[in-house]
C-alpha cells in the first residue's frame, strides 16, 4: 500500500453517549492496538518513537462530513479518520482494516461501536510531488479548514493561532520526515515573511487530551502569497495538499490538527510574477 494513506472508518455505536468527551487518547490507543494485531514489533516501535507519530487520527464526525460529534446516538453512523505517513504503517493498517480480518467492533473509551466499513485513499509521495514539480497549476490563495482543535508549540509556549510559518512549518517538518523528496527548510522563513492571512473564521476550543488541558482553534483561514516565487509557491501548494494526510500542529495522533484544503483560488503560471 502506498503512503501517505487515509482510512475513513464508518462506525455505529451500540449505545448512546449524550455528552462525548474528546476521544484523542482512545483514538491513539485504537491505532496502536490495530498495529499490534498485525505487527507487534512495528506497534512497539511507533509507540516508542519520539516526536510526531507516523499516523494521525480524528473523529468521530457526524454523517458524511467533518463536523465533530458532541454526542453519540445508538444506531447512527459516524466517521473516524486514520492517516498513515509511513509505508510500513500504511501497509499494516491496510491489513488491519481489510474486510476479511478487521474487527467487528471497536471500543472508544466507554463507547462500543460496530465497524460498518472502511474507505481508503492512498497516494504516493512522488505523485503528490508531481502535482506541482516541475510543473502544474498553482494558487497564490490557499484556504485551509481546521476540523479539529489545532495548536502549536513554539518558543516554549502553546500557540493556538494559525500563523503561516507555524502551519506550513508543521507540514514541512512532517513532509521532510517522511517523503523521499525533501523541500527546503527555508520555506518556513518564506511563509513568515511572504505569506499573509487574507481572512479567517475561527473559534477557540479548550479540550482535555493526554491528561491535560489544551487550548486550540477550529475554523477556516485564507492565506495569500504576497510575493510570488515559483518554487516557494509550488512548495506551499504541495504542503497544503499534504496537510490532509499529515495533520498540523501538536498531538495529531490524538485527534488534534485535522486540516483540509478548501480553497477556490485562481491558478497562476510561473510567469505570472507579482501581478498574479
C-alpha atoms as a PDB file:
ATOM      1  CA  UNK A   1       0.000   0.000   0.000  1.00  0.00           C
ATOM      2  CA  UNK A   2       1.226   3.491  -0.860  1.00  0.00           C
ATOM      3  CA  UNK A   3       1.879   6.141   1.744  1.00  0.00           C
ATOM      4  CA  UNK A   4       0.525   8.556   2.659  1.00  0.00           C
ATOM      5  CA  UNK A   5      -2.889   6.957   3.061  1.00  0.00           C
ATOM      6  CA  UNK A   6      -6.153   7.889   4.766  1.00  0.00           C
ATOM      7  CA  UNK A   7      -8.614   5.352   6.166  1.00  0.00           C
ATOM      8  CA  UNK A   8     -12.150   6.607   6.823  1.00  0.00           C
ATOM      9  CA  UNK A   9     -13.807   4.192   9.224  1.00  0.00           C
ATOM     10  CA  UNK A  10     -17.601   4.125   9.461  1.00  0.00           C
ATOM     11  CA  UNK A  11     -18.851   3.180  12.919  1.00  0.00           C
ATOM     12  CA  UNK A  12     -22.257   2.678  14.523  1.00  0.00           C
ATOM     13  CA  UNK A  13     -22.446   2.991  18.347  1.00  0.00           C
ATOM     14  CA  UNK A  14     -24.305   0.218  20.164  1.00  0.00           C
ATOM     15  CA  UNK A  15     -25.370   2.624  22.928  1.00  0.00           C
ATOM     16  CA  UNK A  16     -25.855   6.379  23.138  1.00  0.00           C
ATOM     17  CA  UNK A  17     -23.348   8.687  24.822  1.00  0.00           C
ATOM     18  CA  UNK A  18     -25.099  12.037  25.461  1.00  0.00           C
ATOM     19  CA  UNK A  19     -22.014  14.151  26.236  1.00  0.00           C
ATOM     20  CA  UNK A  20     -18.954  12.999  24.361  1.00  0.00           C
ATOM     21  CA  UNK A  21     -15.503  13.955  25.674  1.00  0.00           C
ATOM     22  CA  UNK A  22     -12.567  14.474  23.351  1.00  0.00           C
ATOM     23  CA  UNK A  23     -11.502  10.935  22.441  1.00  0.00           C
ATOM     24  CA  UNK A  24      -7.913  11.620  21.418  1.00  0.00           C
ATOM     25  CA  UNK A  25      -6.301   9.124  23.773  1.00  0.00           C
ATOM     26  CA  UNK A  26      -8.825   6.436  22.794  1.00  0.00           C
ATOM     27  CA  UNK A  27      -8.147   7.004  19.084  1.00  0.00           C
ATOM     28  CA  UNK A  28      -4.398   6.820  19.678  1.00  0.00           C
ATOM     29  CA  UNK A  29      -4.834   3.560  21.566  1.00  0.00           C
ATOM     30  CA  UNK A  30      -7.118   2.148  18.875  1.00  0.00           C
ATOM     31  CA  UNK A  31      -4.477   2.626  16.171  1.00  0.00           C
ATOM     32  CA  UNK A  32      -1.680   1.157  18.274  1.00  0.00           C
ATOM     33  CA  UNK A  33      -3.925  -1.816  19.056  1.00  0.00           C
ATOM     34  CA  UNK A  34      -4.689  -2.380  15.376  1.00  0.00           C
ATOM     35  CA  UNK A  35      -0.998  -2.174  14.518  1.00  0.00           C
ATOM     36  CA  UNK A  36      -0.215  -4.611  17.311  1.00  0.00           C
ATOM     37  CA  UNK A  37      -2.640  -7.177  15.924  1.00  0.00           C
ATOM     38  CA  UNK A  38      -0.763  -7.160  12.616  1.00  0.00           C
ATOM     39  CA  UNK A  39       2.847  -6.365  13.569  1.00  0.00           C
ATOM     40  CA  UNK A  40       3.725  -6.202  17.247  1.00  0.00           C
ATOM     41  CA  UNK A  41       7.281  -5.019  16.649  1.00  0.00           C
ATOM     42  CA  UNK A  42       6.063  -2.149  14.475  1.00  0.00           C
ATOM     43  CA  UNK A  43       3.478  -1.133  17.071  1.00  0.00           C
ATOM     44  CA  UNK A  44       6.163  -1.074  19.781  1.00  0.00           C
ATOM     45  CA  UNK A  45       8.495   0.984  17.597  1.00  0.00           C
ATOM     46  CA  UNK A  46       5.760   3.510  16.793  1.00  0.00           C
ATOM     47  CA  UNK A  47       4.781   3.739  20.459  1.00  0.00           C
ATOM     48  CA  UNK A  48       8.382   4.475  21.489  1.00  0.00           C
ATOM     49  CA  UNK A  49       9.039   6.927  18.670  1.00  0.00           C
ATOM     50  CA  UNK A  50       9.811  10.448  19.847  1.00  0.00           C
ATOM     51  CA  UNK A  51       8.317  13.444  18.075  1.00  0.00           C
ATOM     52  CA  UNK A  52       5.348  13.355  15.706  1.00  0.00           C
ATOM     53  CA  UNK A  53       3.967   9.857  15.150  1.00  0.00           C
ATOM     54  CA  UNK A  54       3.780   8.390  11.623  1.00  0.00           C
ATOM     55  CA  UNK A  55      -0.019   8.427  11.841  1.00  0.00           C
ATOM     56  CA  UNK A  56      -2.821  10.801  12.751  1.00  0.00           C
ATOM     57  CA  UNK A  57      -6.382  10.325  13.961  1.00  0.00           C
ATOM     58  CA  UNK A  58      -9.586  12.367  14.120  1.00  0.00           C
ATOM     59  CA  UNK A  59     -13.258  11.967  14.932  1.00  0.00           C
ATOM     60  CA  UNK A  60     -15.899  10.874  15.498  1.00  0.00           C
ATOM     61  CA  UNK A  61     -17.543  13.042  12.844  1.00  0.00           C
ATOM     62  CA  UNK A  62     -21.261  13.285  12.119  1.00  0.00           C
ATOM     63  CA  UNK A  63     -22.504  11.581   8.959  1.00  0.00           C
ATOM     64  CA  UNK A  64     -20.544  12.152   5.770  1.00  0.00           C
ATOM     65  CA  UNK A  65     -18.966  15.479   6.734  1.00  0.00           C
ATOM     66  CA  UNK A  66     -16.332  16.603   9.202  1.00  0.00           C
ATOM     67  CA  UNK A  67     -18.399  18.167  11.974  1.00  0.00           C
ATOM     68  CA  UNK A  68     -17.110  16.771  15.270  1.00  0.00           C
ATOM     69  CA  UNK A  69     -19.769  14.844  17.160  1.00  0.00           C
ATOM     70  CA  UNK A  70     -20.752  16.249  20.545  1.00  0.00           C
ATOM     71  CA  UNK A  71     -22.662  13.081  21.378  1.00  0.00           C
ATOM     72  CA  UNK A  72     -23.137   9.564  20.061  1.00  0.00           C
ATOM     73  CA  UNK A  73     -26.588   8.186  19.301  1.00  0.00           C
ATOM     74  CA  UNK A  74     -27.102   4.450  19.173  1.00  0.00           C
ATOM     75  CA  UNK A  75     -27.645   3.240  15.626  1.00  0.00           C
ATOM     76  CA  UNK A  76     -26.398   6.413  13.904  1.00  0.00           C
ATOM     77  CA  UNK A  77     -23.345   6.307  11.636  1.00  0.00           C
ATOM     78  CA  UNK A  78     -20.212   8.324  12.418  1.00  0.00           C
ATOM     79  CA  UNK A  79     -16.764   8.534  10.857  1.00  0.00           C
ATOM     80  CA  UNK A  80     -13.264   8.142  12.215  1.00  0.00           C
ATOM     81  CA  UNK A  81     -10.227   9.223  10.216  1.00  0.00           C
ATOM     82  CA  UNK A  82      -6.865   7.471  10.478  1.00  0.00           C
ATOM     83  CA  UNK A  83      -3.951   8.514   8.259  1.00  0.00           C
ATOM     84  CA  UNK A  84      -0.556   6.872   7.807  1.00  0.00           C
ATOM     85  CA  UNK A  85       2.558   8.743   6.685  1.00  0.00           C
ATOM     86  CA  UNK A  86       4.916   5.774   6.676  1.00  0.00           C
ATOM     87  CA  UNK A  87       4.778   2.905   4.189  1.00  0.00           C
ATOM     88  CA  UNK A  88       5.080   0.216   6.852  1.00  0.00           C
ATOM     89  CA  UNK A  89       2.320   1.779   8.949  1.00  0.00           C
ATOM     90  CA  UNK A  90       0.084   2.203   5.897  1.00  0.00           C
ATOM     91  CA  UNK A  91       0.625  -1.434   4.928  1.00  0.00           C
ATOM     92  CA  UNK A  92      -0.107  -2.669   8.462  1.00  0.00           C
ATOM     93  CA  UNK A  93      -3.265  -0.571   8.762  1.00  0.00           C
ATOM     94  CA  UNK A  94      -4.357  -1.735   5.329  1.00  0.00           C
ATOM     95  CA  UNK A  95      -4.130  -5.308   6.550  1.00  0.00           C
ATOM     96  CA  UNK A  96      -5.830  -4.465   9.854  1.00  0.00           C
ATOM     97  CA  UNK A  97      -8.754  -2.790   8.074  1.00  0.00           C
ATOM     98  CA  UNK A  98      -9.124  -5.440   5.378  1.00  0.00           C
ATOM     99  CA  UNK A  99     -12.696  -6.696   5.395  1.00  0.00           C
ATOM    100  CA  UNK A 100     -11.520 -10.276   5.918  1.00  0.00           C
ATOM    101  CA  UNK A 101      -9.820  -9.505   9.226  1.00  0.00           C
ATOM    102  CA  UNK A 102     -10.902  -6.117  10.572  1.00  0.00           C
ATOM    103  CA  UNK A 103     -12.624  -6.138  13.972  1.00  0.00           C
ATOM    104  CA  UNK A 104     -16.403  -6.374  14.072  1.00  0.00           C
ATOM    105  CA  UNK A 105     -16.469  -3.898  16.954  1.00  0.00           C
ATOM    106  CA  UNK A 106     -14.088  -1.315  18.379  1.00  0.00           C
ATOM    107  CA  UNK A 107     -14.060   0.400  21.764  1.00  0.00           C
ATOM    108  CA  UNK A 108     -13.609   4.155  22.048  1.00  0.00           C
ATOM    109  CA  UNK A 109     -13.283   4.769  25.758  1.00  0.00           C
ATOM    110  CA  UNK A 110     -16.753   3.817  27.058  1.00  0.00           C
ATOM    111  CA  UNK A 111     -18.342   3.554  23.614  1.00  0.00           C
ATOM    112  CA  UNK A 112     -18.508   0.194  21.846  1.00  0.00           C
ATOM    113  CA  UNK A 113     -19.103   0.682  18.125  1.00  0.00           C
ATOM    114  CA  UNK A 114     -19.762  -1.678  15.257  1.00  0.00           C
ATOM    115  CA  UNK A 115     -17.477  -1.198  12.254  1.00  0.00           C
ATOM    116  CA  UNK A 116     -19.674  -0.658   9.198  1.00  0.00           C
ATOM    117  CA  UNK A 117     -16.985  -0.180   6.563  1.00  0.00           C
ATOM    118  CA  UNK A 118     -13.642   1.382   5.684  1.00  0.00           C
ATOM    119  CA  UNK A 119     -12.819   3.661   2.748  1.00  0.00           C
ATOM    120  CA  UNK A 120      -9.186   4.017   1.689  1.00  0.00           C
ATOM    121  CA  UNK A 121      -7.460   6.935  -0.028  1.00  0.00           C
ATOM    122  CA  UNK A 122      -3.816   6.346  -0.894  1.00  0.00           C
ATOM    123  CA  UNK A 123      -1.358   8.378  -2.940  1.00  0.00           C
ATOM    124  CA  UNK A 124       2.397   8.094  -3.291  1.00  0.00           C
ATOM    125  CA  UNK A 125       4.743  10.875  -2.236  1.00  0.00           C
ATOM    126  CA  UNK A 126       6.082  11.032  -5.791  1.00  0.00           C
ATOM    127  CA  UNK A 127       2.548  11.557  -7.121  1.00  0.00           C
ATOM    128  CA  UNK A 128       1.897  14.364  -4.624  1.00  0.00           C
ATOM    129  CA  UNK A 129       5.209  15.980  -5.504  1.00  0.00           C
ATOM    130  CA  UNK A 130       4.435  15.638  -9.212  1.00  0.00           C
ATOM    131  CA  UNK A 131       1.291  17.767  -8.884  1.00  0.00           C
ATOM    132  CA  UNK A 132       3.473  20.869  -8.612  1.00  0.00           C
ATOM    133  CA  UNK A 133       7.043  19.920  -9.564  1.00  0.00           C
ATOM    134  CA  UNK A 134       8.382  20.559 -12.104  1.00  0.00           C
ATOM    135  CA  UNK A 135       5.124  21.995 -13.480  1.00  0.00           C
ATOM    136  CA  UNK A 136       1.392  22.153 -12.968  1.00  0.00           C
ATOM    137  CA  UNK A 137      -1.074  24.873 -11.904  1.00  0.00           C
ATOM    138  CA  UNK A 138      -0.506  26.599  -8.573  1.00  0.00           C
ATOM    139  CA  UNK A 139      -2.537  29.048  -6.483  1.00  0.00           C
ATOM    140  CA  UNK A 140      -1.433  32.138  -4.639  1.00  0.00           C
ATOM    141  CA  UNK A 141      -4.572  31.894  -2.485  1.00  0.00           C
ATOM    142  CA  UNK A 142      -4.857  28.853  -0.224  1.00  0.00           C
ATOM    143  CA  UNK A 143      -7.733  28.157   2.154  1.00  0.00           C
ATOM    144  CA  UNK A 144      -7.373  25.616   4.937  1.00  0.00           C
ATOM    145  CA  UNK A 145     -10.197  24.352   7.146  1.00  0.00           C
ATOM    146  CA  UNK A 146      -9.192  23.107  10.583  1.00  0.00           C
ATOM    147  CA  UNK A 147     -11.785  20.491  11.552  1.00  0.00           C
ATOM    148  CA  UNK A 148     -10.403  19.505  14.949  1.00  0.00           C
ATOM    149  CA  UNK A 149      -8.659  21.642  17.574  1.00  0.00           C
ATOM    150  CA  UNK A 150      -5.230  22.740  16.380  1.00  0.00           C
ATOM    151  CA  UNK A 151      -2.346  24.320  18.277  1.00  0.00           C
ATOM    152  CA  UNK A 152       1.422  24.648  18.093  1.00  0.00           C
ATOM    153  CA  UNK A 153       4.369  24.619  20.468  1.00  0.00           C
ATOM    154  CA  UNK A 154       6.714  27.469  19.618  1.00  0.00           C
ATOM    155  CA  UNK A 155       9.331  29.175  21.744  1.00  0.00           C
ATOM    156  CA  UNK A 156       8.350  27.062  24.737  1.00  0.00           C
ATOM    157  CA  UNK A 157       4.740  28.237  24.570  1.00  0.00           C
ATOM    158  CA  UNK A 158       1.408  26.878  23.392  1.00  0.00           C
ATOM    159  CA  UNK A 159       0.313  28.949  20.383  1.00  0.00           C
ATOM    160  CA  UNK A 160      -3.361  28.457  19.389  1.00  0.00           C
ATOM    161  CA  UNK A 161      -3.059  30.676  16.306  1.00  0.00           C
ATOM    162  CA  UNK A 162      -2.757  29.681  12.612  1.00  0.00           C
ATOM    163  CA  UNK A 163       0.314  31.775  11.814  1.00  0.00           C
ATOM    164  CA  UNK A 164       1.580  30.959   8.298  1.00  0.00           C
ATOM    165  CA  UNK A 165       5.073  29.952   9.435  1.00  0.00           C
ATOM    166  CA  UNK A 166       3.640  27.586  12.069  1.00  0.00           C
ATOM    167  CA  UNK A 167       1.033  25.996   9.798  1.00  0.00           C
ATOM    168  CA  UNK A 168       3.274  25.450   6.791  1.00  0.00           C
ATOM    169  CA  UNK A 169       6.298  24.808   9.005  1.00  0.00           C
ATOM    170  CA  UNK A 170       4.466  21.942  10.700  1.00  0.00           C
ATOM    171  CA  UNK A 171       3.527  20.396   7.355  1.00  0.00           C
ATOM    172  CA  UNK A 172       7.100  20.899   6.132  1.00  0.00           C
ATOM    173  CA  UNK A 173       8.538  19.055   9.134  1.00  0.00           C
ATOM    174  CA  UNK A 174       6.259  16.084   8.526  1.00  0.00           C
ATOM    175  CA  UNK A 175       6.888  16.061   4.777  1.00  0.00           C
ATOM    176  CA  UNK A 176      10.675  16.111   5.168  1.00  0.00           C
ATOM    177  CA  UNK A 177      10.438  13.459   7.870  1.00  0.00           C
ATOM    178  CA  UNK A 178       8.560  11.002   5.661  1.00  0.00           C
ATOM    179  CA  UNK A 179       8.899  11.817   1.958  1.00  0.00           C
ATOM    180  CA  UNK A 180      11.825  10.683  -0.212  1.00  0.00           C
ATOM    181  CA  UNK A 181      11.816  14.081  -1.982  1.00  0.00           C
ATOM    182  CA  UNK A 182      12.529  16.822   0.546  1.00  0.00           C
ATOM    183  CA  UNK A 183      11.713  20.530   0.453  1.00  0.00           C
ATOM    184  CA  UNK A 184      13.983  23.372   1.503  1.00  0.00           C
ATOM    185  CA  UNK A 185      13.761  24.136   5.240  1.00  0.00           C
ATOM    186  CA  UNK A 186      13.916  27.828   4.311  1.00  0.00           C
ATOM    187  CA  UNK A 187      10.244  27.558   3.313  1.00  0.00           C
ATOM    188  CA  UNK A 188       9.270  28.339   6.899  1.00  0.00           C
ATOM    189  CA  UNK A 189      11.053  31.684   6.668  1.00  0.00           C
ATOM    190  CA  UNK A 190       9.360  32.422   3.331  1.00  0.00           C
ATOM    191  CA  UNK A 191       5.978  31.688   4.925  1.00  0.00           C
ATOM    192  CA  UNK A 192       6.789  34.073   7.783  1.00  0.00           C
ATOM    193  CA  UNK A 193       7.874  36.924   5.527  1.00  0.00           C
ATOM    194  CA  UNK A 194       5.849  36.490   2.333  1.00  0.00           C
ATOM    195  CA  UNK A 195       2.558  34.754   3.225  1.00  0.00           C
ATOM    196  CA  UNK A 196      -0.284  36.748   4.757  1.00  0.00           C
ATOM    197  CA  UNK A 197      -3.647  35.920   6.306  1.00  0.00           C
ATOM    198  CA  UNK A 198      -6.323  37.199   3.922  1.00  0.00           C
ATOM    199  CA  UNK A 199      -9.342  36.218   6.050  1.00  0.00           C
ATOM    200  CA  UNK A 200     -10.350  33.875   8.843  1.00  0.00           C
ATOM    201  CA  UNK A 201     -13.356  32.469  10.648  1.00  0.00           C
ATOM    202  CA  UNK A 202     -12.097  30.829  13.828  1.00  0.00           C
ATOM    203  CA  UNK A 203     -13.120  29.966  17.342  1.00  0.00           C
ATOM    204  CA  UNK A 204     -11.171  28.761  20.343  1.00  0.00           C
ATOM    205  CA  UNK A 205     -11.641  25.238  21.669  1.00  0.00           C
ATOM    206  CA  UNK A 206     -10.387  24.076  25.064  1.00  0.00           C
ATOM    207  CA  UNK A 207     -10.118  20.318  25.461  1.00  0.00           C
ATOM    208  CA  UNK A 208      -8.655  17.680  27.717  1.00  0.00           C
ATOM    209  CA  UNK A 209      -6.180  15.412  25.960  1.00  0.00           C
ATOM    210  CA  UNK A 210      -3.343  13.219  27.240  1.00  0.00           C
ATOM    211  CA  UNK A 211      -4.217  14.109  30.823  1.00  0.00           C
ATOM    212  CA  UNK A 212      -4.016  17.882  30.465  1.00  0.00           C
ATOM    213  CA  UNK A 213      -5.836  20.957  29.220  1.00  0.00           C
ATOM    214  CA  UNK A 214      -5.078  22.144  25.706  1.00  0.00           C
ATOM    215  CA  UNK A 215      -6.293  25.327  24.016  1.00  0.00           C
ATOM    216  CA  UNK A 216      -6.661  25.132  20.252  1.00  0.00           C
ATOM    217  CA  UNK A 217      -8.667  26.622  17.416  1.00  0.00           C
ATOM    218  CA  UNK A 218     -11.040  25.364  14.723  1.00  0.00           C
ATOM    219  CA  UNK A 219     -12.374  27.060  11.599  1.00  0.00           C
ATOM    220  CA  UNK A 220     -11.032  28.251   8.273  1.00  0.00           C
ATOM    221  CA  UNK A 221      -8.212  30.542   7.226  1.00  0.00           C
ATOM    222  CA  UNK A 222      -7.346  32.048   3.854  1.00  0.00           C
ATOM    223  CA  UNK A 223      -3.650  32.553   3.126  1.00  0.00           C
ATOM    224  CA  UNK A 224      -2.200  34.675   0.335  1.00  0.00           C
ATOM    225  CA  UNK A 225       1.292  34.520  -1.164  1.00  0.00           C
ATOM    226  CA  UNK A 226       2.231  38.210  -1.111  1.00  0.00           C
ATOM    227  CA  UNK A 227       5.463  37.909  -3.087  1.00  0.00           C
ATOM    228  CA  UNK A 228       5.179  35.356  -5.863  1.00  0.00           C
ATOM    229  CA  UNK A 229       8.075  32.949  -6.337  1.00  0.00           C
ATOM    230  CA  UNK A 230       7.640  29.774  -8.416  1.00  0.00           C
ATOM    231  CA  UNK A 231       9.490  27.362  -6.113  1.00  0.00           C
ATOM    232  CA  UNK A 232       8.085  28.592  -2.820  1.00  0.00           C
ATOM    233  CA  UNK A 233       4.537  28.902  -4.153  1.00  0.00           C
ATOM    234  CA  UNK A 234       4.674  25.358  -5.517  1.00  0.00           C
ATOM    235  CA  UNK A 235       6.023  24.086  -2.207  1.00  0.00           C
ATOM    236  CA  UNK A 236       3.226  25.824  -0.281  1.00  0.00           C
ATOM    237  CA  UNK A 237       0.599  24.299  -2.575  1.00  0.00           C
ATOM    238  CA  UNK A 238       2.136  20.862  -2.112  1.00  0.00           C
ATOM    239  CA  UNK A 239       2.107  21.202   1.681  1.00  0.00           C
ATOM    240  CA  UNK A 240      -1.489  22.454   1.641  1.00  0.00           C
ATOM    241  CA  UNK A 241      -2.485  19.226  -0.140  1.00  0.00           C
ATOM    242  CA  UNK A 242      -0.297  17.103   2.123  1.00  0.00           C
ATOM    243  CA  UNK A 243      -1.802  18.556   5.314  1.00  0.00           C
ATOM    244  CA  UNK A 244      -4.884  16.330   4.876  1.00  0.00           C
ATOM    245  CA  UNK A 245      -2.664  13.305   5.342  1.00  0.00           C
ATOM    246  CA  UNK A 246      -0.224  14.656   7.910  1.00  0.00           C
ATOM    247  CA  UNK A 247      -2.334  16.826  10.155  1.00  0.00           C
ATOM    248  CA  UNK A 248      -0.964  20.090  11.535  1.00  0.00           C
ATOM    249  CA  UNK A 249       0.435  21.062  14.918  1.00  0.00           C
ATOM    250  CA  UNK A 250       0.610  19.106  18.167  1.00  0.00           C
ATOM    251  CA  UNK A 251      -0.970  15.786  19.178  1.00  0.00           C
ATOM    252  CA  UNK A 252      -2.176  14.828  15.718  1.00  0.00           C
ATOM    253  CA  UNK A 253      -2.030  11.157  16.719  1.00  0.00           C
ATOM    254  CA  UNK A 254      -4.546  12.024  19.449  1.00  0.00           C
ATOM    255  CA  UNK A 255      -7.221  13.614  17.302  1.00  0.00           C
ATOM    256  CA  UNK A 256      -5.944  17.175  17.020  1.00  0.00           C
ATOM    257  CA  UNK A 257      -4.971  19.078  13.898  1.00  0.00           C
ATOM    258  CA  UNK A 258      -7.134  17.632  11.114  1.00  0.00           C
ATOM    259  CA  UNK A 259      -6.836  20.059   8.197  1.00  0.00           C
ATOM    260  CA  UNK A 260      -8.429  20.091   4.743  1.00  0.00           C
ATOM    261  CA  UNK A 261      -7.647  22.285   1.777  1.00  0.00           C
ATOM    262  CA  UNK A 262     -10.870  24.036   0.781  1.00  0.00           C
ATOM    263  CA  UNK A 263      -9.745  26.958  -1.390  1.00  0.00           C
ATOM    264  CA  UNK A 264     -11.025  28.055  -4.755  1.00  0.00           C
ATOM    265  CA  UNK A 265      -8.157  30.402  -5.556  1.00  0.00           C
ATOM    266  CA  UNK A 266      -7.095  31.323  -9.080  1.00  0.00           C
ATOM    267  CA  UNK A 267      -4.313  29.204 -10.584  1.00  0.00           C
ATOM    268  CA  UNK A 268      -1.357  31.158 -11.937  1.00  0.00           C
ATOM    269  CA  UNK A 269       1.559  30.234 -14.184  1.00  0.00           C
ATOM    270  CA  UNK A 270       5.223  30.565 -13.257  1.00  0.00           C
ATOM    271  CA  UNK A 271       5.411  33.660 -15.441  1.00  0.00           C
ATOM    272  CA  UNK A 272       2.618  35.466 -13.595  1.00  0.00           C
ATOM    273  CA  UNK A 273       5.049  37.194 -11.232  1.00  0.00           C
ATOM    274  CA  UNK A 274       3.941  39.972  -8.934  1.00  0.00           C
ATOM    275  CA  UNK A 275       0.720  40.770 -10.793  1.00  0.00           C
ATOM    276  CA  UNK A 276      -0.930  37.364 -10.248  1.00  0.00           C
END
